Amino acid sequence: MSPREYKNLTTLEKISVRATSWVGSTKSLAVHTTLFVFAFFLVLFGVKFDKILLVVTTIVSLEAIYLSIFIQMSVNRQTRRLREVSKDIEEIQEDVEDIAEDVGEIEKDVDEIQKDVDEIQEDFEDITEEADTYEENEKAKDDVAMTKIEKTLSELMREIQELKKTRE
């Protein structure tokens, strides 16, 4: 029991907690054993055995009654605490279920995002292929244009050579 819980108990409940804790201890065993041995040694001092048994039986009966009451109080207190824990567990289970639903929704969202990423990747690859094809086409056009320019230049050079020859 936490100090805060103990602090909230009534005086009688605090007594029951201390009594049940003490009765279950080694000190309690030693005290009870000593008292019983002492009670039966009273016969040696002239006390009648019947009176000793009457007193011991009465004391033991009263102690048993009070201990059973204190133990029942402890059981009742533990039952209340168990109910509280049970409520907490139910709330935690509800939270876990909510989290599981959220995780399921997140998984769906991740799947959708993955599909979108795959589509974007495919589009990128298509654009890259188109760009490569475009570049190849442009290069081919440039090559054709260059060939024409070279051919035209060759013809011009030839004509210039012919003109030079005719002028000479």
N, C-alpha and C. Protein backbone atom coordinates (compact mmCIF):
# COMPACT_ATOMS: atom_id res chain seq x y z
N MET A 1 0.86 -1.16 0.00
CA MET A 1 0.00 0.00 0.00
C MET A 1 0.90 1.23 0.00
N SER A 2 0.57 2.17 -0.88
CA SER A 2 1.38 3.37 -0.99
C SER A 2 1.09 4.30 0.19
N PRO A 3 2.05 5.17 0.51
CA PRO A 3 1.84 6.12 1.61
C PRO A 3 0.61 7.02 1.37
N ARG A 4 0.37 7.37 0.10
CA ARG A 4 -0.79 8.22 -0.20
C ARG A 4 -2.09 7.49 0.10
N GLU A 5 -2.16 6.20 -0.28
CA GLU A 5 -3.36 5.40 0.00
C GLU A 5 -3.55 5.24 1.52
N TYR A 6 -2.44 4.98 2.22
CA TYR A 6 -2.51 4.79 3.67
C TYR A 6 -2.99 6.08 4.34
N LYS A 7 -2.54 7.22 3.84
CA LYS A 7 -2.91 8.51 4.42
C LYS A 7 -4.42 8.76 4.29
N ASN A 8 -5.05 8.24 3.23
CA ASN A 8 -6.48 8.46 3.00
C ASN A 8 -7.39 7.52 3.80
N LEU A 9 -6.81 6.57 4.54
CA LEU A 9 -7.61 5.62 5.31
C LEU A 9 -8.11 6.26 6.61
N THR A 10 -9.22 5.71 7.12
CA THR A 10 -9.72 6.15 8.43
C THR A 10 -8.82 5.55 9.51
N THR A 11 -8.97 6.02 10.74
CA THR A 11 -8.15 5.53 11.85
C THR A 11 -8.36 4.03 12.05
N LEU A 12 -9.60 3.59 12.00
CA LEU A 12 -9.89 2.16 12.18
C LEU A 12 -9.27 1.34 11.05
N GLU A 13 -9.32 1.85 9.82
CA GLU A 13 -8.70 1.12 8.70
C GLU A 13 -7.18 1.07 8.87
N LYS A 14 -6.60 2.14 9.38
CA LYS A 14 -5.15 2.13 9.63
C LYS A 14 -4.79 1.09 10.68
N ILE A 15 -5.63 0.99 11.72
CA ILE A 15 -5.40 -0.02 12.76
C ILE A 15 -5.49 -1.42 12.16
N SER A 16 -6.47 -1.63 11.28
CA SER A 16 -6.63 -2.96 10.68
C SER A 16 -5.44 -3.30 9.79
N VAL A 17 -4.92 -2.32 9.08
CA VAL A 17 -3.74 -2.56 8.24
C VAL A 17 -2.54 -2.94 9.10
N ARG A 18 -2.33 -2.18 10.17
CA ARG A 18 -1.20 -2.48 11.05
C ARG A 18 -1.37 -3.83 11.74
N ALA A 19 -2.60 -4.14 12.17
CA ALA A 19 -2.86 -5.40 12.89
C ALA A 19 -2.62 -6.59 11.97
N THR A 20 -3.17 -6.55 10.76
CA THR A 20 -3.00 -7.69 9.84
C THR A 20 -1.54 -7.82 9.40
N SER A 21 -0.85 -6.69 9.28
CA SER A 21 0.58 -6.76 8.94
C SER A 21 1.37 -7.37 10.08
N TRP A 22 1.05 -6.98 11.32
CA TRP A 22 1.80 -7.48 12.46
C TRP A 22 1.51 -8.96 12.71
N VAL A 23 0.25 -9.37 12.56
CA VAL A 23 -0.11 -10.77 12.84
C VAL A 23 0.62 -11.71 11.89
N GLY A 24 0.88 -11.25 10.70
CA GLY A 24 1.58 -12.11 9.73
C GLY A 24 3.08 -12.03 9.83
N SER A 25 3.61 -11.53 10.96
CA SER A 25 5.06 -11.36 11.08
C SER A 25 5.67 -12.40 12.02
N THR A 26 6.98 -12.49 11.99
CA THR A 26 7.73 -13.39 12.87
C THR A 26 7.62 -12.91 14.32
N LYS A 27 7.58 -11.60 14.52
CA LYS A 27 7.45 -11.06 15.88
C LYS A 27 6.14 -11.53 16.52
N SER A 28 5.06 -11.53 15.72
CA SER A 28 3.77 -11.96 16.24
C SER A 28 3.84 -13.42 16.67
N LEU A 29 4.47 -14.23 15.86
CA LEU A 29 4.62 -15.65 16.20
C LEU A 29 5.38 -15.81 17.52
N ALA A 30 6.45 -15.06 17.67
CA ALA A 30 7.26 -15.15 18.89
C ALA A 30 6.46 -14.67 20.11
N VAL A 31 5.74 -13.55 19.99
CA VAL A 31 4.96 -13.03 21.11
C VAL A 31 3.87 -14.00 21.51
N HIS A 32 3.12 -14.53 20.54
CA HIS A 32 2.04 -15.46 20.85
C HIS A 32 2.58 -16.74 21.52
N THR A 33 3.66 -17.23 20.97
CA THR A 33 4.25 -18.45 21.55
C THR A 33 4.70 -18.19 22.98
N THR A 34 5.33 -17.06 23.22
CA THR A 34 5.79 -16.70 24.58
C THR A 34 4.60 -16.58 25.53
N LEU A 35 3.53 -15.91 25.09
CA LEU A 35 2.35 -15.74 25.95
C LEU A 35 1.69 -17.07 26.28
N PHE A 36 1.57 -17.96 25.29
CA PHE A 36 0.96 -19.26 25.55
C PHE A 36 1.81 -20.07 26.52
N VAL A 37 3.10 -20.07 26.32
CA VAL A 37 3.99 -20.81 27.22
C VAL A 37 3.88 -20.22 28.62
N PHE A 38 3.93 -18.90 28.75
CA PHE A 38 3.81 -18.24 30.05
C PHE A 38 2.48 -18.58 30.73
N ALA A 39 1.38 -18.56 29.92
CA ALA A 39 0.05 -18.85 30.48
C ALA A 39 0.03 -20.25 31.08
N PHE A 40 0.62 -21.22 30.39
CA PHE A 40 0.58 -22.59 30.90
C PHE A 40 1.57 -22.80 32.05
N PHE A 41 2.59 -21.95 32.17
CA PHE A 41 3.50 -22.03 33.30
C PHE A 41 2.87 -21.47 34.58
N LEU A 42 1.75 -20.75 34.42
CA LEU A 42 1.07 -20.21 35.61
C LEU A 42 0.57 -21.33 36.53
N VAL A 43 0.41 -22.53 35.99
CA VAL A 43 0.00 -23.69 36.80
C VAL A 43 1.05 -23.92 37.88
N LEU A 44 2.31 -23.70 37.55
CA LEU A 44 3.38 -23.91 38.52
C LEU A 44 3.31 -22.91 39.67
N PHE A 45 2.62 -21.78 39.47
CA PHE A 45 2.50 -20.75 40.52
C PHE A 45 1.16 -20.82 41.24
N GLY A 46 0.45 -21.93 41.03
CA GLY A 46 -0.77 -22.18 41.79
C GLY A 46 -2.06 -21.73 41.13
N VAL A 47 -2.00 -21.26 39.90
CA VAL A 47 -3.24 -20.86 39.22
C VAL A 47 -3.87 -22.13 38.68
N LYS A 48 -5.20 -22.23 38.87
CA LYS A 48 -5.89 -23.45 38.43
C LYS A 48 -5.87 -23.54 36.91
N PHE A 49 -5.70 -24.77 36.45
CA PHE A 49 -5.60 -25.03 35.01
C PHE A 49 -6.89 -24.63 34.30
N ASP A 50 -8.05 -24.87 34.93
CA ASP A 50 -9.33 -24.50 34.32
C ASP A 50 -9.42 -23.00 34.08
N LYS A 51 -8.96 -22.21 35.04
CA LYS A 51 -8.99 -20.75 34.89
C LYS A 51 -8.04 -20.31 33.77
N ILE A 52 -6.87 -20.94 33.70
CA ILE A 52 -5.91 -20.61 32.63
C ILE A 52 -6.54 -20.88 31.28
N LEU A 53 -7.16 -22.08 31.14
CA LEU A 53 -7.80 -22.42 29.87
C LEU A 53 -8.94 -21.45 29.55
N LEU A 54 -9.72 -21.07 30.56
CA LEU A 54 -10.83 -20.15 30.35
C LEU A 54 -10.32 -18.79 29.85
N VAL A 55 -9.29 -18.27 30.50
CA VAL A 55 -8.74 -16.96 30.12
C VAL A 55 -8.09 -17.05 28.74
N VAL A 56 -7.26 -18.08 28.51
CA VAL A 56 -6.59 -18.21 27.21
C VAL A 56 -7.62 -18.39 26.11
N THR A 57 -8.63 -19.22 26.32
CA THR A 57 -9.66 -19.45 25.32
C THR A 57 -10.42 -18.16 25.02
N THR A 58 -10.76 -17.42 26.06
CA THR A 58 -11.48 -16.15 25.87
C THR A 58 -10.61 -15.16 25.08
N ILE A 59 -9.37 -15.04 25.46
CA ILE A 59 -8.46 -14.11 24.77
C ILE A 59 -8.27 -14.52 23.31
N VAL A 60 -8.04 -15.81 23.11
CA VAL A 60 -7.85 -16.31 21.74
C VAL A 60 -9.11 -16.10 20.91
N SER A 61 -10.29 -16.32 21.49
CA SER A 61 -11.55 -16.13 20.77
C SER A 61 -11.73 -14.66 20.38
N LEU A 62 -11.50 -13.76 21.34
CA LEU A 62 -11.61 -12.33 21.04
C LEU A 62 -10.60 -11.90 19.97
N GLU A 63 -9.39 -12.40 20.11
CA GLU A 63 -8.36 -12.07 19.12
C GLU A 63 -8.77 -12.58 17.74
N ALA A 64 -9.32 -13.80 17.68
CA ALA A 64 -9.74 -14.37 16.40
C ALA A 64 -10.87 -13.54 15.78
N ILE A 65 -11.81 -13.09 16.62
CA ILE A 65 -12.92 -12.27 16.11
C ILE A 65 -12.37 -10.98 15.51
N TYR A 66 -11.53 -10.29 16.27
CA TYR A 66 -10.99 -9.01 15.77
C TYR A 66 -10.09 -9.22 14.55
N LEU A 67 -9.30 -10.26 14.56
CA LEU A 67 -8.44 -10.52 13.40
C LEU A 67 -9.27 -10.83 12.16
N SER A 68 -10.35 -11.59 12.34
CA SER A 68 -11.19 -11.89 11.17
C SER A 68 -11.84 -10.62 10.65
N ILE A 69 -12.25 -9.72 11.56
CA ILE A 69 -12.81 -8.44 11.12
C ILE A 69 -11.74 -7.63 10.37
N PHE A 70 -10.55 -7.54 10.94
CA PHE A 70 -9.48 -6.78 10.29
C PHE A 70 -9.11 -7.39 8.94
N ILE A 71 -9.06 -8.72 8.90
CA ILE A 71 -8.74 -9.39 7.64
C ILE A 71 -9.83 -9.12 6.60
N GLN A 72 -11.09 -9.15 7.02
CA GLN A 72 -12.18 -8.87 6.09
C GLN A 72 -12.10 -7.42 5.60
N MET A 73 -11.73 -6.51 6.49
CA MET A 73 -11.55 -5.11 6.06
C MET A 73 -10.46 -5.03 4.99
N SER A 74 -9.38 -5.78 5.20
CA SER A 74 -8.30 -5.80 4.21
C SER A 74 -8.78 -6.39 2.89
N VAL A 75 -9.56 -7.46 2.98
CA VAL A 75 -10.11 -8.09 1.77
C VAL A 75 -11.01 -7.10 1.04
N ASN A 76 -11.87 -6.39 1.78
CA ASN A 76 -12.76 -5.40 1.17
C ASN A 76 -11.95 -4.28 0.49
N ARG A 77 -10.90 -3.84 1.18
CA ARG A 77 -10.05 -2.78 0.62
C ARG A 77 -9.38 -3.28 -0.66
N GLN A 78 -8.88 -4.51 -0.65
CA GLN A 78 -8.25 -5.08 -1.84
C GLN A 78 -9.26 -5.25 -2.97
N THR A 79 -10.49 -5.62 -2.62
CA THR A 79 -11.54 -5.77 -3.63
C THR A 79 -11.81 -4.44 -4.32
N ARG A 80 -11.88 -3.37 -3.51
CA ARG A 80 -12.08 -2.02 -4.10
C ARG A 80 -10.92 -1.68 -5.02
N ARG A 81 -9.72 -1.96 -4.57
CA ARG A 81 -8.55 -1.66 -5.41
C ARG A 81 -8.56 -2.49 -6.69
N LEU A 82 -8.98 -3.76 -6.59
CA LEU A 82 -9.06 -4.62 -7.77
C LEU A 82 -10.10 -4.09 -8.76
N ARG A 83 -11.23 -3.58 -8.24
CA ARG A 83 -12.25 -2.99 -9.12
C ARG A 83 -11.67 -1.79 -9.86
N GLU A 84 -10.93 -0.96 -9.13
CA GLU A 84 -10.31 0.20 -9.76
C GLU A 84 -9.32 -0.24 -10.83
N VAL A 85 -8.52 -1.25 -10.51
CA VAL A 85 -7.56 -1.76 -11.48
C VAL A 85 -8.29 -2.33 -12.69
N SER A 86 -9.39 -3.03 -12.43
CA SER A 86 -10.19 -3.61 -13.52
C SER A 86 -10.71 -2.51 -14.44
N LYS A 87 -11.18 -1.42 -13.84
CA LYS A 87 -11.64 -0.29 -14.66
C LYS A 87 -10.49 0.28 -15.48
N ASP A 88 -9.33 0.41 -14.85
CA ASP A 88 -8.16 0.91 -15.56
C ASP A 88 -7.79 -0.01 -16.72
N ILE A 89 -7.87 -1.32 -16.48
CA ILE A 89 -7.55 -2.29 -17.53
C ILE A 89 -8.54 -2.16 -18.68
N GLU A 90 -9.81 -1.99 -18.37
CA GLU A 90 -10.82 -1.81 -19.42
C GLU A 90 -10.52 -0.56 -20.25
N GLU A 91 -10.16 0.53 -19.57
CA GLU A 91 -9.82 1.76 -20.28
C GLU A 91 -8.59 1.55 -21.16
N ILE A 92 -7.61 0.83 -20.63
CA ILE A 92 -6.40 0.56 -21.40
C ILE A 92 -6.74 -0.29 -22.62
N GLN A 93 -7.62 -1.29 -22.44
CA GLN A 93 -8.02 -2.14 -23.56
C GLN A 93 -8.73 -1.31 -24.63
N GLU A 94 -9.58 -0.38 -24.21
CA GLU A 94 -10.24 0.49 -25.17
C GLU A 94 -9.22 1.33 -25.92
N ASP A 95 -8.24 1.85 -25.16
CA ASP A 95 -7.19 2.65 -25.80
C ASP A 95 -6.40 1.81 -26.79
N VAL A 96 -6.10 0.57 -26.42
CA VAL A 96 -5.36 -0.32 -27.31
C VAL A 96 -6.17 -0.59 -28.58
N GLU A 97 -7.48 -0.79 -28.42
CA GLU A 97 -8.33 -1.01 -29.59
C GLU A 97 -8.33 0.23 -30.48
N ASP A 98 -8.42 1.41 -29.87
CA ASP A 98 -8.38 2.65 -30.65
C ASP A 98 -7.05 2.77 -31.39
N ILE A 99 -5.98 2.45 -30.69
CA ILE A 99 -4.65 2.52 -31.31
C ILE A 99 -4.56 1.52 -32.46
N ALA A 100 -5.12 0.32 -32.26
CA ALA A 100 -5.09 -0.69 -33.32
C ALA A 100 -5.84 -0.20 -34.55
N GLU A 101 -6.98 0.46 -34.33
CA GLU A 101 -7.72 1.03 -35.45
C GLU A 101 -6.90 2.10 -36.15
N ASP A 102 -6.26 2.96 -35.35
CA ASP A 102 -5.42 4.00 -35.93
C ASP A 102 -4.28 3.41 -36.74
N VAL A 103 -3.67 2.35 -36.20
CA VAL A 103 -2.57 1.69 -36.91
C VAL A 103 -3.08 1.11 -38.23
N GLY A 104 -4.28 0.51 -38.20
CA GLY A 104 -4.87 -0.02 -39.43
C GLY A 104 -5.07 1.07 -40.47
N GLU A 105 -5.58 2.21 -40.01
CA GLU A 105 -5.78 3.33 -40.93
C GLU A 105 -4.44 3.84 -41.46
N ILE A 106 -3.46 3.90 -40.59
CA ILE A 106 -2.13 4.34 -41.02
C ILE A 106 -1.56 3.37 -42.05
N GLU A 107 -1.76 2.07 -41.83
CA GLU A 107 -1.27 1.07 -42.79
C GLU A 107 -1.93 1.28 -44.15
N LYS A 108 -3.24 1.57 -44.14
CA LYS A 108 -3.94 1.84 -45.41
C LYS A 108 -3.34 3.07 -46.07
N ASP A 109 -3.12 4.12 -45.27
CA ASP A 109 -2.53 5.34 -45.82
C ASP A 109 -1.15 5.08 -46.39
N VAL A 110 -0.36 4.28 -45.68
CA VAL A 110 0.99 3.96 -46.16
C VAL A 110 0.90 3.18 -47.47
N ASP A 111 -0.06 2.24 -47.56
CA ASP A 111 -0.24 1.50 -48.81
C ASP A 111 -0.60 2.43 -49.96
N GLU A 112 -1.50 3.37 -49.69
CA GLU A 112 -1.89 4.33 -50.73
C GLU A 112 -0.70 5.20 -51.13
N ILE A 113 0.07 5.63 -50.15
CA ILE A 113 1.26 6.44 -50.45
C ILE A 113 2.25 5.63 -51.28
N GLN A 114 2.42 4.36 -50.92
CA GLN A 114 3.34 3.51 -51.67
C GLN A 114 2.88 3.37 -53.11
N LYS A 115 1.56 3.19 -53.31
CA LYS A 115 1.03 3.12 -54.68
C LYS A 115 1.33 4.41 -55.43
N ASP A 116 1.11 5.56 -54.74
CA ASP A 116 1.38 6.85 -55.38
C ASP A 116 2.86 6.98 -55.73
N VAL A 117 3.73 6.54 -54.83
CA VAL A 117 5.17 6.59 -55.09
C VAL A 117 5.52 5.71 -56.28
N ASP A 118 4.91 4.52 -56.36
CA ASP A 118 5.17 3.63 -57.49
C ASP A 118 4.72 4.27 -58.80
N GLU A 119 3.54 4.90 -58.78
CA GLU A 119 3.05 5.58 -59.98
C GLU A 119 3.97 6.73 -60.38
N ILE A 120 4.42 7.50 -59.38
CA ILE A 120 5.34 8.61 -59.66
C ILE A 120 6.64 8.07 -60.25
N GLN A 121 7.11 6.94 -59.71
CA GLN A 121 8.34 6.33 -60.21
C GLN A 121 8.16 5.92 -61.68
N GLU A 122 7.01 5.31 -61.97
CA GLU A 122 6.73 4.91 -63.36
C GLU A 122 6.67 6.13 -64.26
N ASP A 123 5.98 7.19 -63.79
CA ASP A 123 5.90 8.42 -64.58
C ASP A 123 7.28 9.01 -64.80
N PHE A 124 8.10 8.99 -63.77
CA PHE A 124 9.46 9.51 -63.89
C PHE A 124 10.26 8.72 -64.92
N GLU A 125 10.11 7.39 -64.86
CA GLU A 125 10.83 6.55 -65.83
C GLU A 125 10.34 6.83 -67.24
N ASP A 126 9.01 7.00 -67.41
CA ASP A 126 8.46 7.32 -68.74
C ASP A 126 9.01 8.66 -69.22
N ILE A 127 9.01 9.67 -68.34
CA ILE A 127 9.52 10.99 -68.72
C ILE A 127 11.00 10.90 -69.06
N THR A 128 11.75 10.13 -68.28
CA THR A 128 13.18 9.97 -68.55
C THR A 128 13.39 9.31 -69.92
N GLU A 129 12.59 8.27 -70.20
CA GLU A 129 12.70 7.62 -71.51
C GLU A 129 12.34 8.59 -72.63
N GLU A 130 11.25 9.36 -72.41
CA GLU A 130 10.86 10.34 -73.43
C GLU A 130 11.94 11.39 -73.61
N ALA A 131 12.54 11.83 -72.50
CA ALA A 131 13.62 12.82 -72.58
C ALA A 131 14.81 12.24 -73.33
N ASP A 132 15.14 10.98 -73.03
CA ASP A 132 16.25 10.33 -73.73
C ASP A 132 15.95 10.22 -75.22
N THR A 133 14.71 9.82 -75.53
CA THR A 133 14.30 9.71 -76.94
C THR A 133 14.35 11.08 -77.61
N TYR A 134 13.87 12.09 -76.91
CA TYR A 134 13.89 13.45 -77.44
C TYR A 134 15.32 13.89 -77.70
N GLU A 135 16.20 13.62 -76.73
CA GLU A 135 17.61 14.00 -76.90
C GLU A 135 18.23 13.26 -78.07
N GLU A 136 17.88 11.96 -78.19
CA GLU A 136 18.41 11.18 -79.32
C GLU A 136 17.90 11.75 -80.64
N ASN A 137 16.61 12.10 -80.67
CA ASN A 137 16.03 12.69 -81.89
C ASN A 137 16.69 14.03 -82.21
N GLU A 138 16.88 14.85 -81.15
CA GLU A 138 17.52 16.14 -81.36
C GLU A 138 18.95 15.95 -81.83
N LYS A 139 19.64 14.98 -81.28
CA LYS A 139 21.02 14.71 -81.69
C LYS A 139 21.04 14.24 -83.14
N ALA A 140 20.06 13.37 -83.47
CA ALA A 140 19.98 12.90 -84.86
C ALA A 140 19.71 14.07 -85.79
N LYS A 141 18.80 14.96 -85.39
CA LYS A 141 18.50 16.14 -86.21
C LYS A 141 19.75 17.02 -86.33
N ASP A 142 20.44 17.18 -85.19
CA ASP A 142 21.67 17.98 -85.22
C ASP A 142 22.69 17.34 -86.15
N ASP A 143 22.80 16.00 -86.07
CA ASP A 143 23.74 15.30 -86.94
C ASP A 143 23.38 15.51 -88.41
N VAL A 144 22.08 15.42 -88.73
CA VAL A 144 21.62 15.62 -90.12
C VAL A 144 21.92 17.05 -90.55
N ALA A 145 21.62 18.01 -89.64
CA ALA A 145 21.87 19.41 -89.96
C ALA A 145 23.36 19.64 -90.16
N MET A 146 24.18 19.05 -89.31
CA MET A 146 25.63 19.20 -89.42
C MET A 146 26.13 18.60 -90.72
N THR A 147 25.59 17.45 -91.06
CA THR A 147 25.99 16.82 -92.32
C THR A 147 25.63 17.73 -93.49
N LYS A 148 24.45 18.32 -93.46
CA LYS A 148 24.04 19.23 -94.54
C LYS A 148 24.94 20.44 -94.59
N ILE A 149 25.26 20.98 -93.40
CA ILE A 149 26.14 22.14 -93.35
C ILE A 149 27.51 21.79 -93.91
N GLU A 150 28.02 20.63 -93.52
CA GLU A 150 29.33 20.20 -94.01
C GLU A 150 29.29 20.01 -95.54
N LYS A 151 28.20 19.44 -95.99
CA LYS A 151 28.05 19.22 -97.44
C LYS A 151 27.99 20.56 -98.16
N THR A 152 27.21 21.48 -97.59
CA THR A 152 27.09 22.81 -98.21
C THR A 152 28.43 23.52 -98.19
N LEU A 153 29.13 23.41 -97.06
CA LEU A 153 30.45 24.03 -96.97
C LEU A 153 31.42 23.41 -97.98
N SER A 154 31.33 22.13 -98.13
CA SER A 154 32.20 21.46 -99.11
C SER A 154 31.90 21.96 -100.51
N GLU A 155 30.62 22.10 -100.81
CA GLU A 155 30.25 22.61 -102.14
C GLU A 155 30.72 24.05 -102.31
N LEU A 156 30.54 24.85 -101.25
CA LEU A 156 31.00 26.24 -101.32
C LEU A 156 32.52 26.30 -101.52
N MET A 157 33.21 25.46 -100.83
CA MET A 157 34.68 25.43 -100.96
C MET A 157 35.07 25.03 -102.38
N ARG A 158 34.38 24.08 -102.87
CA ARG A 158 34.66 23.63 -104.24
C ARG A 158 34.37 24.75 -105.23
N GLU A 159 33.25 25.45 -105.01
CA GLU A 159 32.90 26.54 -105.94
C GLU A 159 33.91 27.67 -105.80
N ILE A 160 34.35 27.93 -104.56
CA ILE A 160 35.36 28.98 -104.37
C ILE A 160 36.64 28.59 -105.08
N GLN A 161 36.98 27.35 -105.03
CA GLN A 161 38.20 26.86 -105.70
C GLN A 161 38.04 27.03 -107.21
N GLU A 162 36.88 26.74 -107.68
CA GLU A 162 36.64 26.88 -109.12
C GLU A 162 36.69 28.35 -109.53
N LEU A 163 36.13 29.20 -108.68
CA LEU A 163 36.15 30.64 -108.97
C LEU A 163 37.60 31.14 -108.95
N LYS A 164 38.35 30.68 -108.05
CA LYS A 164 39.76 31.10 -107.98
C LYS A 164 40.48 30.66 -109.24
N LYS A 165 40.19 29.51 -109.69
CA LYS A 165 40.83 28.99 -110.89
C LYS A 165 40.40 29.80 -112.09
N THR A 166 39.15 30.14 -112.13
CA THR A 166 38.67 30.92 -113.27
C THR A 166 39.19 32.34 -113.22
N ARG A 167 39.49 32.90 -112.20
CA ARG A 167 40.04 34.25 -112.04
C ARG A 167 41.54 34.24 -112.29
N GLU A 168 42.12 33.31 -112.16
CA GLU A 168 43.56 33.24 -112.35
C GLU A 168 43.83 33.12 -113.78
